Amino acid sequence: MADYTAADVKALREKTGAGMMDCKKALAETNGDVEAAVDALRAKGLAAAQKKSSRTAAEGLVGVAVEGTKGVAVEVNSETDFVAKNDQFQDFVRKTTETALNVAGDDVEALKAASYPGGGTVADTLTSNVATIGENQQVRRMKSVSVSQGIVVPYVHNAAATNLGKIGVLVALESEAGADVLEPLGKQLAMHIAAAFPMALNANDLDADVIERERAIAAEKAAESGKPAEVQEKMVDGAIKKFAKENALLSQVFVMDNKTPIADVVAQAAKASGSAIVLKDYVRFQLGEGIEKEESDFAAEVAAAVKG
């Protein structure tokens, strides 16, 4: 009996873009482990490296807010997109995000315990909303950035309402330059970040576990080449350098001209303004990142209900 289901095949195809038979074979070889199957397909050159998909599982909204030289992004989940369009839910996300500006660090529990505008805490209001709206909701995560001088620029891709949407970005620019220089630069960088999915600000900040996973995949590809060990080693090193370059924000190629590294985009703006500009930090929250949603077979559910 197979150690995987049709849903596993579907999930693997969506993650990799590989053919159905290739997905089935990879799942059979990995005893149904979808993530291991992704690596196996990539090692064989049958899957794109980290296919970027917007098929995120959870519903809800990402909120962004800026006050002075600090900005914060907050994700609040709901069960359905219908609730995400509810005025009461949107008001809660907006006010919770604004409340997060006064919370130290990125502690969601501290945010839940913080005073909510109008009385009670954020957690109290959330509980009340669950009761009145009739659907589970969760404050999932928050992240803040700040500069000593300069600007934090917020951006929401395909906004559902002001400062609310499914992808929220913050760009922190440290500089003495004026807002007339920093705001348009920050907006362009934010749009790039929304589109390009950087994993870290620079290569040194990339997650060590992610690098090791990429190294293992590259090593398997190199081994299949049959080339001498020293050549294989160079192939692996080259693959890791390429991965780091493509996934660290400062070395990514600017999506608006498809040729200039982001570090150079910032340097050019600094030269034109006559003031040093440092891209200090950024936030990119996409709704539902890392959450797997239980797939349901509607026809099977109806059949089961009829039999029941």
C-alpha atoms as a PDB file:
ATOM      1  CA  MET A   1       0.000   0.000   0.000  1.00  0.00           C
ATOM      2  CA  ALA A   2       1.276   3.472  -0.871  1.00  0.00           C
ATOM      3  CA  ASP A   3       2.583   5.636   1.959  1.00  0.00           C
ATOM      4  CA  TYR A   4       1.045   8.750   0.441  1.00  0.00           C
ATOM      5  CA  THR A   5      -2.330  10.065  -0.638  1.00  0.00           C
ATOM      6  CA  ALA A   6      -3.683  11.943  -3.627  1.00  0.00           C
ATOM      7  CA  ALA A   7      -3.611  15.069  -1.448  1.00  0.00           C
ATOM      8  CA  ASP A   8       0.136  14.525  -0.902  1.00  0.00           C
ATOM      9  CA  VAL A   9       0.696  14.300  -4.662  1.00  0.00           C
ATOM     10  CA  LYS A  10      -1.319  17.495  -5.168  1.00  0.00           C
ATOM     11  CA  ALA A  11       0.631  19.306  -2.433  1.00  0.00           C
ATOM     12  CA  LEU A  12       3.956  18.188  -3.909  1.00  0.00           C
ATOM     13  CA  ARG A  13       2.970  19.334  -7.403  1.00  0.00           C
ATOM     14  CA  GLU A  14       1.974  22.744  -6.037  1.00  0.00           C
ATOM     15  CA  LYS A  15       5.249  23.081  -4.125  1.00  0.00           C
ATOM     16  CA  THR A  16       7.493  22.043  -7.008  1.00  0.00           C
ATOM     17  CA  GLY A  17       5.683  22.305 -10.327  1.00  0.00           C
ATOM     18  CA  ALA A  18       6.917  18.766 -11.150  1.00  0.00           C
ATOM     19  CA  GLY A  19       4.849  16.263 -13.148  1.00  0.00           C
ATOM     20  CA  MET A  20       2.372  13.914 -11.483  1.00  0.00           C
ATOM     21  CA  MET A  21       4.348  10.714 -12.167  1.00  0.00           C
ATOM     22  CA  ASP A  22       7.569  12.305 -10.936  1.00  0.00           C
ATOM     23  CA  CYS A  23       5.773  13.388  -7.762  1.00  0.00           C
ATOM     24  CA  LYS A  24       4.346   9.914  -7.203  1.00  0.00           C
ATOM     25  CA  LYS A  25       7.763   8.327  -7.674  1.00  0.00           C
ATOM     26  CA  ALA A  26       9.423  10.813  -5.298  1.00  0.00           C
ATOM     27  CA  LEU A  27       6.787  10.180  -2.625  1.00  0.00           C
ATOM     28  CA  ALA A  28       7.190   6.418  -3.013  1.00  0.00           C
ATOM     29  CA  GLU A  29      10.960   6.761  -2.607  1.00  0.00           C
ATOM     30  CA  THR A  30      10.582   8.927   0.529  1.00  0.00           C
ATOM     31  CA  ASN A  31       7.765   6.927   2.164  1.00  0.00           C
ATOM     32  CA  GLY A  32       5.322   9.780   1.737  1.00  0.00           C
ATOM     33  CA  ASP A  33       7.487  12.510   3.281  1.00  0.00           C
ATOM     34  CA  VAL A  34       6.513  15.566   1.213  1.00  0.00           C
ATOM     35  CA  GLU A  35       9.474  17.744   2.253  1.00  0.00           C
ATOM     36  CA  ALA A  36      11.951  14.930   1.559  1.00  0.00           C
ATOM     37  CA  ALA A  37      10.238  14.417  -1.797  1.00  0.00           C
ATOM     38  CA  VAL A  38      10.718  18.123  -2.596  1.00  0.00           C
ATOM     39  CA  ASP A  39      14.457  17.741  -1.976  1.00  0.00           C
ATOM     40  CA  ALA A  40      14.595  14.555  -4.063  1.00  0.00           C
ATOM     41  CA  LEU A  41      12.908  16.248  -7.021  1.00  0.00           C
ATOM     42  CA  ARG A  42      15.182  19.262  -6.748  1.00  0.00           C
ATOM     43  CA  ALA A  43      18.262  17.056  -6.628  1.00  0.00           C
ATOM     44  CA  LYS A  44      17.109  15.478  -9.905  1.00  0.00           C
ATOM     45  CA  GLY A  45      16.471  18.879 -11.448  1.00  0.00           C
ATOM     46  CA  LEU A  46      12.731  18.215 -11.641  1.00  0.00           C
ATOM     47  CA  ALA A  47      11.658  21.015  -9.317  1.00  0.00           C
ATOM     48  CA  ALA A  48      12.361  24.719  -9.123  1.00  0.00           C
ATOM     49  CA  ALA A  49      14.443  25.922  -6.190  1.00  0.00           C
ATOM     50  CA  GLN A  50      11.991  27.101  -3.592  1.00  0.00           C
ATOM     51  CA  LYS A  51       8.970  27.701  -5.760  1.00  0.00           C
ATOM     52  CA  LYS A  52       7.374  30.899  -4.451  1.00  0.00           C
ATOM     53  CA  SER A  53       3.665  30.318  -4.046  1.00  0.00           C
ATOM     54  CA  SER A  54       0.863  32.469  -2.749  1.00  0.00           C
ATOM     55  CA  ARG A  55      -1.200  29.376  -1.926  1.00  0.00           C
ATOM     56  CA  THR A  56      -1.014  30.234   1.744  1.00  0.00           C
ATOM     57  CA  ALA A  57      -3.307  28.289   3.991  1.00  0.00           C
ATOM     58  CA  ALA A  58      -4.649  30.572   6.735  1.00  0.00           C
ATOM     59  CA  GLU A  59      -7.051  33.425   6.200  1.00  0.00           C
ATOM     60  CA  GLY A  60      -7.075  36.772   7.986  1.00  0.00           C
ATOM     61  CA  LEU A  61      -5.056  39.938   7.548  1.00  0.00           C
ATOM     62  CA  VAL A  62      -1.599  41.426   7.988  1.00  0.00           C
ATOM     63  CA  GLY A  63      -1.561  44.940   9.445  1.00  0.00           C
ATOM     64  CA  VAL A  64       1.284  47.483   9.320  1.00  0.00           C
ATOM     65  CA  ALA A  65       1.685  50.682  11.333  1.00  0.00           C
ATOM     66  CA  VAL A  66       4.374  53.338  11.699  1.00  0.00           C
ATOM     67  CA  GLU A  67       4.894  55.974  14.352  1.00  0.00           C
ATOM     68  CA  GLY A  68       7.960  58.204  14.291  1.00  0.00           C
ATOM     69  CA  THR A  69      10.982  56.059  13.543  1.00  0.00           C
ATOM     70  CA  LYS A  70       9.384  52.731  14.493  1.00  0.00           C
ATOM     71  CA  GLY A  71       7.188  50.394  12.487  1.00  0.00           C
ATOM     72  CA  VAL A  72       5.426  47.121  13.250  1.00  0.00           C
ATOM     73  CA  ALA A  73       3.681  44.360  11.341  1.00  0.00           C
ATOM     74  CA  VAL A  74       1.090  42.043  12.903  1.00  0.00           C
ATOM     75  CA  GLU A  75      -0.641  38.968  11.493  1.00  0.00           C
ATOM     76  CA  VAL A  76      -4.109  38.017  12.751  1.00  0.00           C
ATOM     77  CA  ASN A  77      -5.657  34.805  11.433  1.00  0.00           C
ATOM     78  CA  SER A  78      -9.274  33.860  10.895  1.00  0.00           C
ATOM     79  CA  GLU A  79     -10.829  30.664   9.572  1.00  0.00           C
ATOM     80  CA  THR A  80     -12.334  32.174   6.422  1.00  0.00           C
ATOM     81  CA  ASP A  81     -11.691  35.018   4.025  1.00  0.00           C
ATOM     82  CA  PHE A  82     -15.285  36.114   4.641  1.00  0.00           C
ATOM     83  CA  VAL A  83     -14.398  37.114   8.202  1.00  0.00           C
ATOM     84  CA  ALA A  84     -11.268  38.902   6.965  1.00  0.00           C
ATOM     85  CA  LYS A  85     -13.594  41.236   5.051  1.00  0.00           C
ATOM     86  CA  ASN A  86     -15.684  41.923   8.169  1.00  0.00           C
ATOM     87  CA  ASP A  87     -15.469  45.535   9.412  1.00  0.00           C
ATOM     88  CA  GLN A  88     -15.252  44.410  13.042  1.00  0.00           C
ATOM     89  CA  PHE A  89     -12.334  42.088  12.282  1.00  0.00           C
ATOM     90  CA  GLN A  90     -10.531  44.725  10.215  1.00  0.00           C
ATOM     91  CA  ASP A  91     -10.953  47.291  12.984  1.00  0.00           C
ATOM     92  CA  PHE A  92      -9.500  44.807  15.467  1.00  0.00           C
ATOM     93  CA  VAL A  93      -6.442  44.101  13.276  1.00  0.00           C
ATOM     94  CA  ARG A  94      -5.864  47.825  12.706  1.00  0.00           C
ATOM     95  CA  LYS A  95      -6.097  48.761  16.396  1.00  0.00           C
ATOM     96  CA  THR A  96      -4.061  45.744  17.508  1.00  0.00           C
ATOM     97  CA  THR A  97      -1.294  46.692  15.081  1.00  0.00           C
ATOM     98  CA  GLU A  98      -1.299  50.268  16.375  1.00  0.00           C
ATOM     99  CA  THR A  99      -1.186  48.923  19.941  1.00  0.00           C
ATOM    100  CA  ALA A 100       1.846  46.806  18.996  1.00  0.00           C
ATOM    101  CA  LEU A 101       3.835  50.006  18.384  1.00  0.00           C
ATOM    102  CA  ASN A 102       4.056  50.392  22.161  1.00  0.00           C
ATOM    103  CA  VAL A 103       5.009  46.766  22.901  1.00  0.00           C
ATOM    104  CA  ALA A 104       8.700  46.042  23.464  1.00  0.00           C
ATOM    105  CA  GLY A 105      10.265  43.370  21.304  1.00  0.00           C
ATOM    106  CA  ASP A 106       8.224  40.994  19.158  1.00  0.00           C
ATOM    107  CA  ASP A 107       6.373  39.257  21.991  1.00  0.00           C
ATOM    108  CA  VAL A 108       2.861  38.249  20.897  1.00  0.00           C
ATOM    109  CA  GLU A 109       1.878  37.317  24.463  1.00  0.00           C
ATOM    110  CA  ALA A 110       2.871  40.805  25.620  1.00  0.00           C
ATOM    111  CA  LEU A 111       0.762  42.243  22.809  1.00  0.00           C
ATOM    112  CA  LYS A 112      -2.247  40.176  23.868  1.00  0.00           C
ATOM    113  CA  ALA A 113      -1.832  41.455  27.429  1.00  0.00           C
ATOM    114  CA  ALA A 114      -1.551  45.089  26.310  1.00  0.00           C
ATOM    115  CA  SER A 115      -4.378  47.567  26.867  1.00  0.00           C
ATOM    116  CA  TYR A 116      -6.803  47.768  23.948  1.00  0.00           C
ATOM    117  CA  PRO A 117      -8.340  51.107  22.923  1.00  0.00           C
ATOM    118  CA  GLY A 118     -11.716  51.442  24.612  1.00  0.00           C
ATOM    119  CA  GLY A 119     -10.967  49.148  27.554  1.00  0.00           C
ATOM    120  CA  GLY A 120      -9.746  45.669  28.437  1.00  0.00           C
ATOM    121  CA  THR A 121      -6.811  43.960  26.757  1.00  0.00           C
ATOM    122  CA  VAL A 122      -6.154  42.826  23.212  1.00  0.00           C
ATOM    123  CA  ALA A 123      -6.860  39.252  24.377  1.00  0.00           C
ATOM    124  CA  ASP A 124     -10.187  40.300  25.939  1.00  0.00           C
ATOM    125  CA  THR A 125     -11.298  41.944  22.713  1.00  0.00           C
ATOM    126  CA  LEU A 126     -10.179  38.933  20.685  1.00  0.00           C
ATOM    127  CA  THR A 127     -12.248  36.616  22.888  1.00  0.00           C
ATOM    128  CA  SER A 128     -15.259  38.881  22.488  1.00  0.00           C
ATOM    129  CA  ASN A 129     -14.802  38.962  18.712  1.00  0.00           C
ATOM    130  CA  VAL A 130     -14.660  35.175  18.528  1.00  0.00           C
ATOM    131  CA  ALA A 131     -17.969  35.015  20.403  1.00  0.00           C
ATOM    132  CA  THR A 132     -19.747  37.679  18.345  1.00  0.00           C
ATOM    133  CA  ILE A 133     -18.343  36.796  14.913  1.00  0.00           C
ATOM    134  CA  GLY A 134     -18.640  33.071  15.565  1.00  0.00           C
ATOM    135  CA  GLU A 135     -15.262  32.024  14.140  1.00  0.00           C
ATOM    136  CA  ASN A 136     -11.891  31.265  15.677  1.00  0.00           C
ATOM    137  CA  GLN A 137      -9.298  34.046  15.397  1.00  0.00           C
ATOM    138  CA  GLN A 138      -5.693  34.251  16.554  1.00  0.00           C
ATOM    139  CA  VAL A 139      -3.034  36.940  16.883  1.00  0.00           C
ATOM    140  CA  ARG A 140      -0.239  34.889  15.337  1.00  0.00           C
ATOM    141  CA  ARG A 141       2.927  37.013  15.170  1.00  0.00           C
ATOM    142  CA  MET A 142       4.418  40.503  15.217  1.00  0.00           C
ATOM    143  CA  LYS A 143       7.716  42.062  14.233  1.00  0.00           C
ATOM    144  CA  SER A 144       8.994  45.599  14.648  1.00  0.00           C
ATOM    145  CA  VAL A 145      11.838  47.608  13.128  1.00  0.00           C
ATOM    146  CA  SER A 146      13.231  51.017  14.017  1.00  0.00           C
ATOM    147  CA  VAL A 147      15.952  53.522  13.168  1.00  0.00           C
ATOM    148  CA  SER A 148      17.672  56.183  15.267  1.00  0.00           C
ATOM    149  CA  GLN A 149      17.125  58.695  12.465  1.00  0.00           C
ATOM    150  CA  GLY A 150      15.566  58.279   9.091  1.00  0.00           C
ATOM    151  CA  ILE A 151      12.319  56.573   8.210  1.00  0.00           C
ATOM    152  CA  VAL A 152      10.348  53.335   8.324  1.00  0.00           C
ATOM    153  CA  VAL A 153       8.244  52.943   5.184  1.00  0.00           C
ATOM    154  CA  PRO A 154       5.126  50.719   5.268  1.00  0.00           C
ATOM    155  CA  TYR A 155       3.659  48.969   2.243  1.00  0.00           C
ATOM    156  CA  VAL A 156       0.738  46.591   1.757  1.00  0.00           C
ATOM    157  CA  HIS A 157       0.437  44.624  -1.459  1.00  0.00           C
ATOM    158  CA  ASN A 158      -3.149  44.439  -2.768  1.00  0.00           C
ATOM    159  CA  ALA A 159      -4.525  46.192   0.295  1.00  0.00           C
ATOM    160  CA  ALA A 160      -7.931  45.093   1.599  1.00  0.00           C
ATOM    161  CA  ALA A 161      -8.170  48.386   3.498  1.00  0.00           C
ATOM    162  CA  THR A 162      -5.740  51.092   4.615  1.00  0.00           C
ATOM    163  CA  ASN A 163      -2.596  49.366   5.986  1.00  0.00           C
ATOM    164  CA  LEU A 164      -4.304  45.946   5.870  1.00  0.00           C
ATOM    165  CA  GLY A 165      -3.794  43.135   3.378  1.00  0.00           C
ATOM    166  CA  LYS A 166      -2.284  39.722   2.723  1.00  0.00           C
ATOM    167  CA  ILE A 167       1.330  40.878   2.307  1.00  0.00           C
ATOM    168  CA  GLY A 168       2.686  43.587   4.600  1.00  0.00           C
ATOM    169  CA  VAL A 169       6.185  45.069   4.298  1.00  0.00           C
ATOM    170  CA  LEU A 170       8.252  47.505   6.361  1.00  0.00           C
ATOM    171  CA  VAL A 171      11.541  49.045   5.206  1.00  0.00           C
ATOM    172  CA  ALA A 172      13.842  50.709   7.754  1.00  0.00           C
ATOM    173  CA  LEU A 173      16.201  53.308   6.240  1.00  0.00           C
ATOM    174  CA  GLU A 174      18.814  54.916   8.501  1.00  0.00           C
ATOM    175  CA  SER A 175      19.789  58.316   7.105  1.00  0.00           C
ATOM    176  CA  GLU A 176      19.930  62.068   7.536  1.00  0.00           C
ATOM    177  CA  ALA A 177      18.292  62.473   4.127  1.00  0.00           C
ATOM    178  CA  GLY A 178      14.829  63.988   3.950  1.00  0.00           C
ATOM    179  CA  ALA A 179      11.517  62.194   3.561  1.00  0.00           C
ATOM    180  CA  ASP A 180      11.362  63.391  -0.051  1.00  0.00           C
ATOM    181  CA  VAL A 181      14.321  61.077  -0.754  1.00  0.00           C
ATOM    182  CA  LEU A 182      13.651  58.234   1.666  1.00  0.00           C
ATOM    183  CA  GLU A 183       9.920  57.688   1.138  1.00  0.00           C
ATOM    184  CA  PRO A 184      10.031  56.938  -2.608  1.00  0.00           C
ATOM    185  CA  LEU A 185      13.164  54.812  -2.139  1.00  0.00           C
ATOM    186  CA  GLY A 186      11.516  52.911   0.698  1.00  0.00           C
ATOM    187  CA  LYS A 187       8.364  52.354  -1.366  1.00  0.00           C
ATOM    188  CA  GLN A 188      10.364  50.915  -4.278  1.00  0.00           C
ATOM    189  CA  LEU A 189      12.347  48.653  -1.950  1.00  0.00           C
ATOM    190  CA  ALA A 190       9.147  47.523  -0.231  1.00  0.00           C
ATOM    191  CA  MET A 191       7.560  46.592  -3.548  1.00  0.00           C
ATOM    192  CA  HIS A 192      10.701  44.614  -4.420  1.00  0.00           C
ATOM    193  CA  ILE A 193      10.569  42.800  -1.061  1.00  0.00           C
ATOM    194  CA  ALA A 194       6.898  41.938  -1.550  1.00  0.00           C
ATOM    195  CA  ALA A 195       7.687  40.398  -4.945  1.00  0.00           C
ATOM    196  CA  ALA A 196      11.114  38.835  -4.350  1.00  0.00           C
ATOM    197  CA  PHE A 197      10.687  36.908  -1.052  1.00  0.00           C
ATOM    198  CA  PRO A 198      14.116  37.651   0.495  1.00  0.00           C
ATOM    199  CA  MET A 199      14.993  35.310   3.366  1.00  0.00           C
ATOM    200  CA  ALA A 200      17.391  37.666   5.149  1.00  0.00           C
ATOM    201  CA  LEU A 201      18.954  41.098   4.848  1.00  0.00           C
ATOM    202  CA  ASN A 202      22.371  39.703   3.878  1.00  0.00           C
ATOM    203  CA  ALA A 203      23.974  36.328   3.223  1.00  0.00           C
ATOM    204  CA  ASN A 204      25.427  36.021   6.736  1.00  0.00           C
ATOM    205  CA  ASP A 205      21.926  36.219   8.217  1.00  0.00           C
ATOM    206  CA  LEU A 206      20.513  33.296   6.218  1.00  0.00           C
ATOM    207  CA  ASP A 207      19.313  30.447   8.423  1.00  0.00           C
ATOM    208  CA  ALA A 208      22.075  27.860   8.919  1.00  0.00           C
ATOM    209  CA  ASP A 209      19.617  24.960   8.631  1.00  0.00           C
ATOM    210  CA  VAL A 210      18.367  26.270   5.297  1.00  0.00           C
ATOM    211  CA  ILE A 211      21.932  26.538   4.004  1.00  0.00           C
ATOM    212  CA  GLU A 212      22.708  22.984   5.102  1.00  0.00           C
ATOM    213  CA  ARG A 213      19.614  21.704   3.333  1.00  0.00           C
ATOM    214  CA  GLU A 214      20.665  23.481   0.146  1.00  0.00           C
ATOM    215  CA  ARG A 215      24.172  22.111   0.519  1.00  0.00           C
ATOM    216  CA  ALA A 216      22.860  18.544   0.777  1.00  0.00           C
ATOM    217  CA  ILE A 217      20.755  18.991  -2.360  1.00  0.00           C
ATOM    218  CA  ALA A 218      23.673  20.553  -4.244  1.00  0.00           C
ATOM    219  CA  ALA A 219      25.974  17.726  -3.127  1.00  0.00           C
ATOM    220  CA  GLU A 220      23.559  15.105  -4.439  1.00  0.00           C
ATOM    221  CA  LYS A 221      23.320  16.899  -7.781  1.00  0.00           C
ATOM    222  CA  ALA A 222      27.102  17.170  -7.982  1.00  0.00           C
ATOM    223  CA  ALA A 223      27.554  13.482  -7.158  1.00  0.00           C
ATOM    224  CA  GLU A 224      25.251  12.515 -10.019  1.00  0.00           C
ATOM    225  CA  SER A 225      27.505  14.439 -12.420  1.00  0.00           C
ATOM    226  CA  GLY A 226      30.230  11.800 -11.999  1.00  0.00           C
ATOM    227  CA  LYS A 227      32.919  14.477 -11.954  1.00  0.00           C
ATOM    228  CA  PRO A 228      36.040  14.327  -9.720  1.00  0.00           C
ATOM    229  CA  ALA A 229      35.573  15.079  -6.009  1.00  0.00           C
ATOM    230  CA  GLU A 230      37.390  18.420  -6.170  1.00  0.00           C
ATOM    231  CA  VAL A 231      35.152  19.531  -9.048  1.00  0.00           C
ATOM    232  CA  GLN A 232      32.067  18.416  -7.155  1.00  0.00           C
ATOM    233  CA  GLU A 233      33.190  20.478  -4.169  1.00  0.00           C
ATOM    234  CA  LYS A 234      33.481  23.574  -6.343  1.00  0.00           C
ATOM    235  CA  MET A 235      30.038  22.857  -7.825  1.00  0.00           C
ATOM    236  CA  VAL A 236      28.523  22.718  -4.336  1.00  0.00           C
ATOM    237  CA  ASP A 237      30.256  25.920  -3.218  1.00  0.00           C
ATOM    238  CA  GLY A 238      29.066  27.665  -6.363  1.00  0.00           C
ATOM    239  CA  ALA A 239      25.493  26.510  -5.816  1.00  0.00           C
ATOM    240  CA  ILE A 240      25.495  27.805  -2.223  1.00  0.00           C
ATOM    241  CA  LYS A 241      26.918  31.179  -3.281  1.00  0.00           C
ATOM    242  CA  LYS A 242      24.232  31.453  -5.951  1.00  0.00           C
ATOM    243  CA  PHE A 243      21.509  30.536  -3.452  1.00  0.00           C
ATOM    244  CA  ALA A 244      22.758  33.117  -0.937  1.00  0.00           C
ATOM    245  CA  LYS A 245      22.957  35.823  -3.596  1.00  0.00           C
ATOM    246  CA  GLU A 246      19.417  35.155  -4.784  1.00  0.00           C
ATOM    247  CA  ASN A 247      17.861  35.015  -1.303  1.00  0.00           C
ATOM    248  CA  ALA A 248      19.675  37.773   0.641  1.00  0.00           C
ATOM    249  CA  LEU A 249      17.945  41.124   0.105  1.00  0.00           C
ATOM    250  CA  LEU A 250      21.038  43.285  -0.400  1.00  0.00           C
ATOM    251  CA  SER A 251      22.395  41.046  -3.178  1.00  0.00           C
ATOM    252  CA  GLN A 252      19.076  40.376  -4.917  1.00  0.00           C
ATOM    253  CA  VAL A 253      18.594  41.944  -8.330  1.00  0.00           C
ATOM    254  CA  PHE A 254      16.108  44.827  -8.243  1.00  0.00           C
ATOM    255  CA  VAL A 255      12.829  43.601  -9.776  1.00  0.00           C
ATOM    256  CA  MET A 256      12.153  46.977 -11.386  1.00  0.00           C
ATOM    257  CA  ASP A 257      15.167  46.860 -13.718  1.00  0.00           C
ATOM    258  CA  ASN A 258      16.226  43.211 -13.387  1.00  0.00           C
ATOM    259  CA  LYS A 259      19.923  44.084 -13.258  1.00  0.00           C
ATOM    260  CA  THR A 260      20.919  46.282 -10.292  1.00  0.00           C
ATOM    261  CA  PRO A 261      21.664  44.672  -6.894  1.00  0.00           C
ATOM    262  CA  ILE A 262      19.601  46.194  -4.086  1.00  0.00           C
ATOM    263  CA  ALA A 263      22.789  47.333  -2.309  1.00  0.00           C
ATOM    264  CA  ASP A 264      23.626  49.382  -5.399  1.00  0.00           C
ATOM    265  CA  VAL A 265      20.108  50.810  -5.606  1.00  0.00           C
ATOM    266  CA  VAL A 266      20.539  52.156  -2.071  1.00  0.00           C
ATOM    267  CA  ALA A 267      24.082  53.398  -2.804  1.00  0.00           C
ATOM    268  CA  GLN A 268      22.916  55.251  -5.912  1.00  0.00           C
ATOM    269  CA  ALA A 269      20.127  56.960  -3.958  1.00  0.00           C
ATOM    270  CA  ALA A 270      22.635  57.965  -1.263  1.00  0.00           C
ATOM    271  CA  LYS A 271      25.010  59.439  -3.840  1.00  0.00           C
ATOM    272  CA  ALA A 272      22.210  61.382  -5.506  1.00  0.00           C
ATOM    273  CA  SER A 273      20.981  62.791  -2.183  1.00  0.00           C
ATOM    274  CA  GLY A 274      24.415  63.618  -0.786  1.00  0.00           C
ATOM    275  CA  SER A 275      23.626  61.735   2.443  1.00  0.00           C
ATOM    276  CA  ALA A 276      24.539  58.242   3.605  1.00  0.00           C
ATOM    277  CA  ILE A 277      21.603  55.803   3.477  1.00  0.00           C
ATOM    278  CA  VAL A 278      21.649  52.401   5.175  1.00  0.00           C
ATOM    279  CA  LEU A 279      19.004  49.749   4.602  1.00  0.00           C
ATOM    280  CA  LYS A 280      19.027  48.706   8.228  1.00  0.00           C
ATOM    281  CA  ASP A 281      16.243  46.129   8.356  1.00  0.00           C
ATOM    282  CA  TYR A 282      12.986  44.993   6.823  1.00  0.00           C
ATOM    283  CA  VAL A 283       9.874  42.945   7.557  1.00  0.00           C
ATOM    284  CA  ARG A 284       7.878  40.866   5.096  1.00  0.00           C
ATOM    285  CA  PHE A 285       4.777  39.118   6.411  1.00  0.00           C
ATOM    286  CA  GLN A 286       2.687  37.045   4.033  1.00  0.00           C
ATOM    287  CA  LEU A 287      -0.573  35.764   5.408  1.00  0.00           C
ATOM    288  CA  GLY A 288      -0.428  32.120   6.409  1.00  0.00           C
ATOM    289  CA  GLU A 289       3.291  31.535   5.816  1.00  0.00           C
ATOM    290  CA  GLY A 290       4.248  28.168   7.261  1.00  0.00           C
ATOM    291  CA  ILE A 291       0.702  27.105   8.101  1.00  0.00           C
ATOM    292  CA  GLU A 292      -0.630  23.948   6.490  1.00  0.00           C
ATOM    293  CA  LYS A 293      -4.372  23.968   5.993  1.00  0.00           C
ATOM    294  CA  GLU A 294      -6.279  20.709   6.234  1.00  0.00           C
ATOM    295  CA  GLU A 295      -7.536  19.795   2.787  1.00  0.00           C
ATOM    296  CA  SER A 296     -11.159  18.674   2.611  1.00  0.00           C
ATOM    297  CA  ASP A 297     -12.902  16.617  -0.065  1.00  0.00           C
ATOM    298  CA  PHE A 298     -16.268  18.349  -0.422  1.00  0.00           C
ATOM    299  CA  ALA A 299     -17.821  15.492  -2.424  1.00  0.00           C
ATOM    300  CA  ALA A 300     -16.704  12.965   0.185  1.00  0.00           C
ATOM    301  CA  GLU A 301     -18.101  15.153   2.965  1.00  0.00           C
ATOM    302  CA  VAL A 302     -21.478  15.346   1.231  1.00  0.00           C
ATOM    303  CA  ALA A 303     -21.513  11.574   0.626  1.00  0.00           C
ATOM    304  CA  ALA A 304     -20.671  10.930   4.261  1.00  0.00           C
ATOM    305  CA  ALA A 305     -23.426  13.286   5.395  1.00  0.00           C
ATOM    306  CA  VAL A 306     -25.980  11.522   3.169  1.00  0.00           C
ATOM    307  CA  LYS A 307     -24.953   8.103   4.493  1.00  0.00           C
ATOM    308  CA  GLY A 308     -25.130   9.464   8.042  1.00  0.00           C
END
